[in-house]
Amino acid sequence: MPRLEARPAPSPLMGYLAPVLALGLTVVFGTLLFLALGKSPVAGLRVFFVTPLETLRGWSEVGLKMVPLLLCALGLAICYRSNVWNIGAEGQFVVGGIAAGGVALLAGADAPRAYFVIVLAGGIVGGLAWAGVTAFLRDRFNANEILVSLMLTYVGGLLLIYLVNGPWKDPKGFNFPYSKTFDAAAMVPRLFPGTRLTWGIVLAVVVLAAVWLFLARSKAGFRLAVAGHAPLAARFAGFSAREGIWLSLLLCGALAGLAGALEVAGPLGQLTPQISPGYGFAAIIVAWLGRLHPGGCVFAAFVMALIYIGGELSQSRLGLPAAITGVFQGMLLLALLTADTFIHYRVRWR
């Protein structure tokens, strides 16, 4: 009878190679999926991993989707490194977008060109405040942050639906549940003419460098890492568990809120009932695929962006349902979990 036995010393090399192996397994499973659906595996895999990279516009769309995925994943990596299990980046993204949208709707004709900076600041504050609810409940009442952050995600989604169907609905929008289009001053400028890519990707690179410095070179980042890997050692050293909870959740909420602000003030240009196709949930996969390392999250965000765009292209070119994107994300996650399992455990027959 087979059973799993813990390995005495898991291979560090295989730990870094596991994401690549998971991606290879996803390609294999995707081939079998396309065969089962009666589609050409070559055409299907090409749509997912080649077609988005054939043109400048395709690269710009990949970069556009990488921004929210990367920002949310960086925040989640901080949480998971400190052993705080935040599952609510999606809700923090949505509330950040709501806050940014509210600030953007206040912009008048005389607003300065740099007004979008205030919009982004509003998104940061919104996401930070929403994560602060989870931090407060965990700190004050020892509530489970997994359940609290997840449930708050749905509260944030319902709040968005209420606003775009009620007080923030565009009175000239033919009764569609959208806010009015933001003024130009509230929009993040485009990076390249003829594309939708904004300066948000430059901001994401700056945040990436800042997070790496925080985790690798700062005392606060060291305390978070120790608290996550060795809680007893952290307690013996006098590191505050409360500080780790508040700091990690607030940083994650701020980054997710910034991602939401860049989305609504960038490609969307208004508030809609669904400002996110699930970036906050997909960022959980991105964080673990990137091994909770800022550099690894870049690679993982790139792969996840390809899956998002490939899922959209497969609907129009191959006639596949919209759920194909979630299927590929699920296959990637299961492949990564399988690879990690066999890195830390081996099969023994009894």
Protein backbone atom coordinates (compact mmCIF):
# COMPACT_ATOMS: atom_id res chain seq x y z
CA MET A 1 0.00 0.00 0.00
CA PRO A 2 1.55 3.36 -0.97
CA ARG A 3 2.08 6.15 1.51
CA LEU A 4 3.89 9.47 1.49
CA GLU A 5 7.04 9.77 3.56
CA ALA A 6 8.76 13.08 4.24
CA ARG A 7 12.17 13.45 2.61
CA PRO A 8 15.02 14.12 5.06
CA ALA A 9 16.37 16.98 2.93
CA PRO A 10 14.22 18.31 0.04
CA SER A 11 16.26 19.35 -2.99
CA PRO A 12 16.68 23.15 -3.18
CA LEU A 13 17.34 22.87 -6.93
CA MET A 14 14.07 21.05 -7.53
CA GLY A 15 12.32 23.72 -5.50
CA TYR A 16 13.37 26.29 -8.08
CA LEU A 17 12.71 23.98 -11.03
CA ALA A 18 9.21 23.05 -9.83
CA PRO A 19 7.51 26.08 -11.48
CA VAL A 20 9.09 25.18 -14.83
CA LEU A 21 8.03 21.56 -14.37
CA ALA A 22 4.50 22.70 -13.45
CA LEU A 23 4.32 24.77 -16.62
CA GLY A 24 5.44 21.77 -18.67
CA LEU A 25 2.77 19.59 -17.06
CA THR A 26 0.19 22.28 -17.80
CA VAL A 27 1.16 22.14 -21.47
CA VAL A 28 0.76 18.34 -21.43
CA PHE A 29 -2.63 18.53 -19.73
CA GLY A 30 -3.67 21.31 -22.10
CA THR A 31 -2.81 19.07 -25.06
CA LEU A 32 -5.05 16.33 -23.68
CA LEU A 33 -7.80 18.88 -23.01
CA PHE A 34 -7.76 20.18 -26.58
CA LEU A 35 -7.88 16.61 -27.91
CA ALA A 36 -10.88 15.85 -25.68
CA LEU A 37 -12.63 18.98 -26.98
CA GLY A 38 -11.96 18.02 -30.59
CA LYS A 39 -9.57 20.92 -31.19
CA SER A 40 -6.07 20.89 -32.59
CA PRO A 41 -3.55 20.90 -29.69
CA VAL A 42 -1.04 22.76 -31.84
CA ALA A 43 -3.54 25.50 -32.67
CA GLY A 44 -4.76 25.66 -29.08
CA LEU A 45 -1.33 25.93 -27.48
CA ARG A 46 -0.27 28.44 -30.13
CA VAL A 47 -3.20 30.68 -29.24
CA PHE A 48 -2.24 30.55 -25.56
CA PHE A 49 1.54 30.87 -25.65
CA VAL A 50 2.63 32.18 -29.07
CA THR A 51 -0.02 34.40 -30.68
CA PRO A 52 -0.02 37.05 -27.89
CA LEU A 53 3.73 37.59 -28.47
CA GLU A 54 3.69 37.98 -32.25
CA THR A 55 2.91 41.71 -32.35
CA LEU A 56 3.71 44.86 -30.40
CA ARG A 57 0.06 45.19 -29.49
CA GLY A 58 0.10 41.64 -28.13
CA TRP A 59 3.13 42.41 -25.97
CA SER A 60 1.43 45.55 -24.69
CA GLU A 61 -1.65 43.56 -23.70
CA VAL A 62 0.53 41.04 -21.87
CA GLY A 63 2.19 43.90 -20.00
CA LEU A 64 -1.19 45.43 -19.22
CA LYS A 65 -2.38 42.23 -17.55
CA MET A 66 0.92 41.65 -15.81
CA VAL A 67 0.58 44.87 -13.80
CA PRO A 68 -2.36 43.91 -11.54
CA LEU A 69 -1.19 40.31 -11.28
CA LEU A 70 2.32 41.33 -10.25
CA LEU A 71 1.24 43.99 -7.75
CA CYS A 72 -1.26 41.67 -6.04
CA ALA A 73 1.24 38.79 -6.03
CA LEU A 74 3.95 40.94 -4.44
CA GLY A 75 1.57 41.88 -1.63
CA LEU A 76 0.53 38.27 -1.12
CA ALA A 77 4.17 37.14 -1.11
CA ILE A 78 4.79 39.50 1.83
CA CYS A 79 1.80 38.02 3.69
CA TYR A 80 2.68 34.39 3.02
CA ARG A 81 6.34 34.92 3.94
CA SER A 82 5.13 36.15 7.33
CA ASN A 83 2.69 33.22 7.70
CA VAL A 84 -0.38 35.45 7.33
CA TRP A 85 -2.85 33.74 4.99
CA ASN A 86 -4.55 36.57 3.17
CA ILE A 87 -6.99 35.24 0.55
CA GLY A 88 -8.73 38.57 0.01
CA ALA A 89 -6.48 40.36 -2.47
CA GLU A 90 -9.40 40.28 -4.91
CA GLY A 91 -11.57 42.22 -2.48
CA GLN A 92 -8.79 44.67 -1.71
CA PHE A 93 -8.31 45.13 -5.47
CA VAL A 94 -12.02 45.85 -5.95
CA VAL A 95 -12.29 48.28 -3.03
CA GLY A 96 -9.12 50.01 -4.18
CA GLY A 97 -10.76 50.41 -7.58
CA ILE A 98 -13.93 51.77 -5.95
CA ALA A 99 -11.97 54.32 -3.93
CA ALA A 100 -9.95 55.36 -6.98
CA GLY A 101 -13.12 55.61 -9.04
CA GLY A 102 -14.75 57.80 -6.42
CA VAL A 103 -11.79 60.17 -6.51
CA ALA A 104 -11.75 60.12 -10.31
CA LEU A 105 -15.44 61.05 -10.48
CA LEU A 106 -14.65 64.23 -8.50
CA ALA A 107 -12.32 65.50 -11.20
CA GLY A 108 -13.66 68.57 -12.96
CA ALA A 109 -12.72 70.30 -16.17
CA ASP A 110 -10.12 72.37 -14.32
CA ALA A 111 -8.38 69.38 -12.71
CA PRO A 112 -4.57 69.41 -13.15
CA ARG A 113 -3.00 66.88 -15.50
CA ALA A 114 -1.36 65.08 -12.60
CA TYR A 115 -4.74 64.47 -10.93
CA PHE A 116 -4.33 60.74 -11.67
CA VAL A 117 -1.72 60.64 -8.88
CA ILE A 118 -4.47 61.51 -6.40
CA VAL A 119 -6.63 58.80 -7.99
CA LEU A 120 -3.89 56.22 -7.43
CA ALA A 121 -3.42 57.42 -3.86
CA GLY A 122 -7.16 56.92 -3.30
CA GLY A 123 -6.87 53.34 -4.52
CA ILE A 124 -3.97 52.67 -2.17
CA VAL A 125 -5.90 54.03 0.80
CA GLY A 126 -9.01 52.01 -0.14
CA GLY A 127 -7.17 48.71 -0.42
CA LEU A 128 -5.18 49.41 2.74
CA ALA A 129 -8.33 50.20 4.72
CA TRP A 130 -10.09 47.05 3.48
CA ALA A 131 -7.11 44.89 4.50
CA GLY A 132 -7.07 46.76 7.80
CA VAL A 133 -10.48 45.28 8.65
CA THR A 134 -8.99 41.80 8.40
CA ALA A 135 -5.93 42.83 10.43
CA PHE A 136 -8.11 44.35 13.16
CA LEU A 137 -10.36 41.30 13.47
CA ARG A 138 -7.38 38.96 13.52
CA ASP A 139 -5.53 41.06 16.09
CA ARG A 140 -8.46 41.99 18.34
CA PHE A 141 -10.60 38.84 18.21
CA ASN A 142 -8.18 36.25 16.80
CA ALA A 143 -10.51 35.75 13.83
CA ASN A 144 -9.28 33.50 11.05
CA GLU A 145 -7.79 35.78 8.39
CA ILE A 146 -8.51 33.24 5.64
CA LEU A 147 -12.26 33.35 6.20
CA VAL A 148 -12.44 37.07 7.02
CA SER A 149 -10.45 38.22 3.98
CA LEU A 150 -12.36 35.85 1.69
CA MET A 151 -15.79 36.95 2.91
CA LEU A 152 -14.82 40.61 2.65
CA THR A 153 -14.05 39.98 -1.02
CA TYR A 154 -17.72 39.32 -1.69
CA VAL A 155 -18.77 42.29 0.40
CA GLY A 156 -16.54 44.51 -1.74
CA GLY A 157 -18.02 43.06 -4.92
CA LEU A 158 -21.56 43.72 -3.71
CA LEU A 159 -20.61 47.27 -2.75
CA LEU A 160 -19.34 47.87 -6.28
CA ILE A 161 -22.57 46.52 -7.79
CA TYR A 162 -24.63 48.78 -5.52
CA LEU A 163 -22.65 51.88 -6.47
CA VAL A 164 -22.74 51.39 -10.26
CA ASN A 165 -26.45 50.55 -10.11
CA GLY A 166 -27.27 53.38 -7.73
CA PRO A 167 -25.58 56.62 -6.75
CA TRP A 168 -22.67 56.39 -9.17
CA LYS A 169 -24.58 55.25 -12.24
CA ASP A 170 -24.04 57.44 -15.28
CA PRO A 171 -27.32 59.36 -15.81
CA LYS A 172 -26.51 59.50 -19.53
CA GLY A 173 -25.55 55.84 -19.78
CA PHE A 174 -28.90 54.52 -21.13
CA ASN A 175 -29.52 52.77 -17.79
CA PHE A 176 -26.44 50.55 -18.09
CA PRO A 177 -24.74 49.82 -14.71
CA TYR A 178 -21.64 51.90 -15.41
CA SER A 179 -20.26 55.08 -13.95
CA LYS A 180 -19.52 57.96 -16.26
CA THR A 181 -16.24 57.86 -18.15
CA PHE A 182 -13.44 59.48 -16.19
CA ASP A 183 -11.98 62.79 -17.33
CA ALA A 184 -8.59 62.70 -19.03
CA ALA A 185 -6.87 64.22 -16.00
CA ALA A 186 -7.95 61.24 -13.88
CA MET A 187 -6.60 58.66 -16.34
CA VAL A 188 -3.12 57.12 -16.13
CA PRO A 189 -1.20 58.25 -19.26
CA ARG A 190 -0.44 55.76 -22.04
CA LEU A 191 3.15 54.58 -22.30
CA PHE A 192 3.14 53.93 -26.06
CA PRO A 193 0.78 55.55 -28.58
CA GLY A 194 -1.56 53.08 -30.27
CA THR A 195 -1.56 50.67 -27.33
CA ARG A 196 -3.47 50.42 -24.06
CA LEU A 197 -0.30 49.99 -21.99
CA THR A 198 0.02 52.72 -19.38
CA TRP A 199 2.77 54.04 -17.16
CA GLY A 200 1.42 51.62 -14.59
CA ILE A 201 3.95 49.03 -15.75
CA VAL A 202 6.79 51.42 -14.91
CA LEU A 203 5.25 51.97 -11.49
CA ALA A 204 4.98 48.19 -11.05
CA VAL A 205 8.73 47.83 -11.74
CA VAL A 206 9.46 50.50 -9.11
CA VAL A 207 7.24 48.66 -6.61
CA LEU A 208 8.97 45.39 -7.51
CA ALA A 209 12.37 46.87 -6.64
CA ALA A 210 11.00 48.39 -3.43
CA VAL A 211 9.49 45.08 -2.29
CA TRP A 212 12.74 43.24 -3.02
CA LEU A 213 14.70 45.77 -0.97
CA PHE A 214 12.14 45.54 1.83
CA LEU A 215 12.27 41.75 2.00
CA ALA A 216 16.00 41.29 1.42
CA ARG A 217 17.62 44.34 3.01
CA SER A 218 15.32 45.83 5.65
CA LYS A 219 15.04 44.91 9.32
CA ALA A 220 11.24 44.84 9.10
CA GLY A 221 11.38 42.40 6.19
CA PHE A 222 13.78 40.20 8.17
CA ARG A 223 11.40 40.17 11.13
CA LEU A 224 8.52 39.12 8.87
CA ALA A 225 10.59 36.31 7.37
CA VAL A 226 11.65 35.01 10.79
CA ALA A 227 8.07 35.16 12.06
CA GLY A 228 6.92 33.13 9.09
CA HIS A 229 9.64 30.46 9.08
CA ALA A 230 10.30 30.15 12.81
CA PRO A 231 7.53 31.64 14.99
CA LEU A 232 9.12 30.39 18.23
CA ALA A 233 12.47 31.93 17.34
CA ALA A 234 10.73 35.20 16.47
CA ARG A 235 8.97 35.19 19.83
CA PHE A 236 12.25 34.46 21.63
CA ALA A 237 13.92 37.35 19.77
CA GLY A 238 11.15 39.69 20.86
CA PHE A 239 9.60 40.19 17.43
CA SER A 240 5.98 41.26 17.65
CA ALA A 241 3.41 38.92 16.07
CA ARG A 242 0.90 41.78 16.01
CA GLU A 243 3.33 43.92 14.05
CA GLY A 244 3.74 41.14 11.48
CA ILE A 245 -0.02 40.77 11.04
CA TRP A 246 -0.67 44.49 10.62
CA LEU A 247 2.35 45.26 8.47
CA SER A 248 1.93 42.38 6.04
CA LEU A 249 -1.82 42.83 5.59
CA LEU A 250 -1.63 46.60 5.19
CA LEU A 251 1.18 46.35 2.64
CA CYS A 252 -0.73 43.71 0.70
CA GLY A 253 -3.92 45.78 0.79
CA ALA A 254 -2.07 48.88 -0.39
CA LEU A 255 -0.52 47.05 -3.35
CA ALA A 256 -3.81 45.37 -4.30
CA GLY A 257 -5.59 48.73 -4.02
CA LEU A 258 -2.97 50.32 -6.26
CA ALA A 259 -3.55 47.54 -8.79
CA GLY A 260 -7.29 48.23 -8.72
CA ALA A 261 -6.70 51.95 -9.20
CA LEU A 262 -4.42 51.34 -12.18
CA GLU A 263 -7.07 49.11 -13.73
CA VAL A 264 -10.03 51.49 -13.41
CA ALA A 265 -7.98 54.59 -14.27
CA GLY A 266 -6.18 52.78 -17.07
CA PRO A 267 -7.76 50.37 -19.55
CA LEU A 268 -11.30 50.58 -18.11
CA GLY A 269 -11.67 54.33 -17.66
CA GLN A 270 -14.83 53.89 -15.58
CA LEU A 271 -16.39 51.71 -12.90
CA THR A 272 -18.26 48.62 -14.10
CA PRO A 273 -19.93 45.76 -12.19
CA GLN A 274 -16.81 43.65 -12.75
CA ILE A 275 -13.58 45.57 -12.74
CA SER A 276 -11.54 42.41 -12.20
CA PRO A 277 -11.65 39.06 -14.03
CA GLY A 278 -10.21 37.45 -10.91
CA TYR A 279 -6.77 39.05 -10.72
CA GLY A 280 -6.67 38.84 -6.93
CA PHE A 281 -7.38 35.10 -6.88
CA ALA A 282 -5.04 34.39 -9.80
CA ALA A 283 -2.33 36.31 -7.95
CA ILE A 284 -2.33 33.58 -5.29
CA ILE A 285 -1.12 31.16 -7.97
CA VAL A 286 1.34 33.77 -9.23
CA ALA A 287 2.83 34.25 -5.76
CA TRP A 288 3.39 30.52 -5.20
CA LEU A 289 4.53 29.89 -8.77
CA GLY A 290 7.07 32.67 -8.23
CA ARG A 291 8.22 31.03 -5.00
CA LEU A 292 7.22 34.11 -2.98
CA HIS A 293 10.21 35.91 -4.49
CA PRO A 294 9.78 39.25 -6.29
CA GLY A 295 11.84 38.11 -9.27
CA GLY A 296 9.97 34.83 -9.53
CA CYS A 297 6.66 36.69 -9.40
CA VAL A 298 7.62 38.50 -12.62
CA PHE A 299 7.97 35.19 -14.48
CA ALA A 300 4.78 33.85 -12.95
CA ALA A 301 2.81 37.01 -13.75
CA PHE A 302 4.01 36.79 -17.36
CA VAL A 303 2.77 33.19 -17.64
CA MET A 304 -0.58 34.05 -16.04
CA ALA A 305 -1.02 37.05 -18.35
CA LEU A 306 -0.48 34.74 -21.34
CA ILE A 307 -3.16 32.42 -19.99
CA TYR A 308 -5.63 35.30 -19.62
CA ILE A 309 -5.03 36.56 -23.15
CA GLY A 310 -4.95 33.05 -24.58
CA GLY A 311 -8.30 32.33 -22.96
CA GLU A 312 -9.79 35.42 -24.61
CA LEU A 313 -8.33 34.54 -28.02
CA SER A 314 -9.46 30.92 -27.80
CA GLN A 315 -13.07 32.06 -27.47
CA SER A 316 -13.02 33.99 -30.76
CA ARG A 317 -10.65 31.78 -32.76
CA LEU A 318 -11.43 28.28 -31.49
CA GLY A 319 -14.98 28.69 -30.21
CA LEU A 320 -14.09 27.60 -26.68
CA PRO A 321 -16.04 28.77 -23.61
CA ALA A 322 -14.79 31.53 -21.32
CA ALA A 323 -14.18 28.95 -18.59
CA ILE A 324 -11.09 27.73 -20.46
CA THR A 325 -9.04 30.43 -18.69
CA GLY A 326 -9.99 29.11 -15.27
CA VAL A 327 -9.33 25.54 -16.41
CA PHE A 328 -5.76 26.41 -17.41
CA GLN A 329 -5.24 28.27 -14.13
CA GLY A 330 -6.50 25.25 -12.21
CA MET A 331 -4.25 22.88 -14.16
CA LEU A 332 -1.25 25.09 -13.45
CA LEU A 333 -2.05 25.20 -9.73
CA LEU A 334 -2.58 21.43 -9.48
CA ALA A 335 0.64 20.76 -11.40
CA LEU A 336 2.55 23.07 -9.03
CA LEU A 337 1.03 21.41 -5.95
CA THR A 338 1.90 17.97 -7.33
CA ALA A 339 5.49 19.01 -8.03
CA ASP A 340 5.85 20.51 -4.55
CA THR A 341 4.42 17.38 -2.95
CA PHE A 342 7.02 15.11 -4.54
CA ILE A 343 9.80 17.56 -3.69
CA HIS A 344 9.03 17.26 0.01
CA TYR A 345 7.70 13.69 0.08
CA ARG A 346 8.47 10.36 -1.56
CA VAL A 347 6.24 7.35 -2.12
CA ARG A 348 6.85 4.29 0.04
CA TRP A 349 5.12 0.95 -0.64
CA ARG A 350 4.05 -1.18 2.31
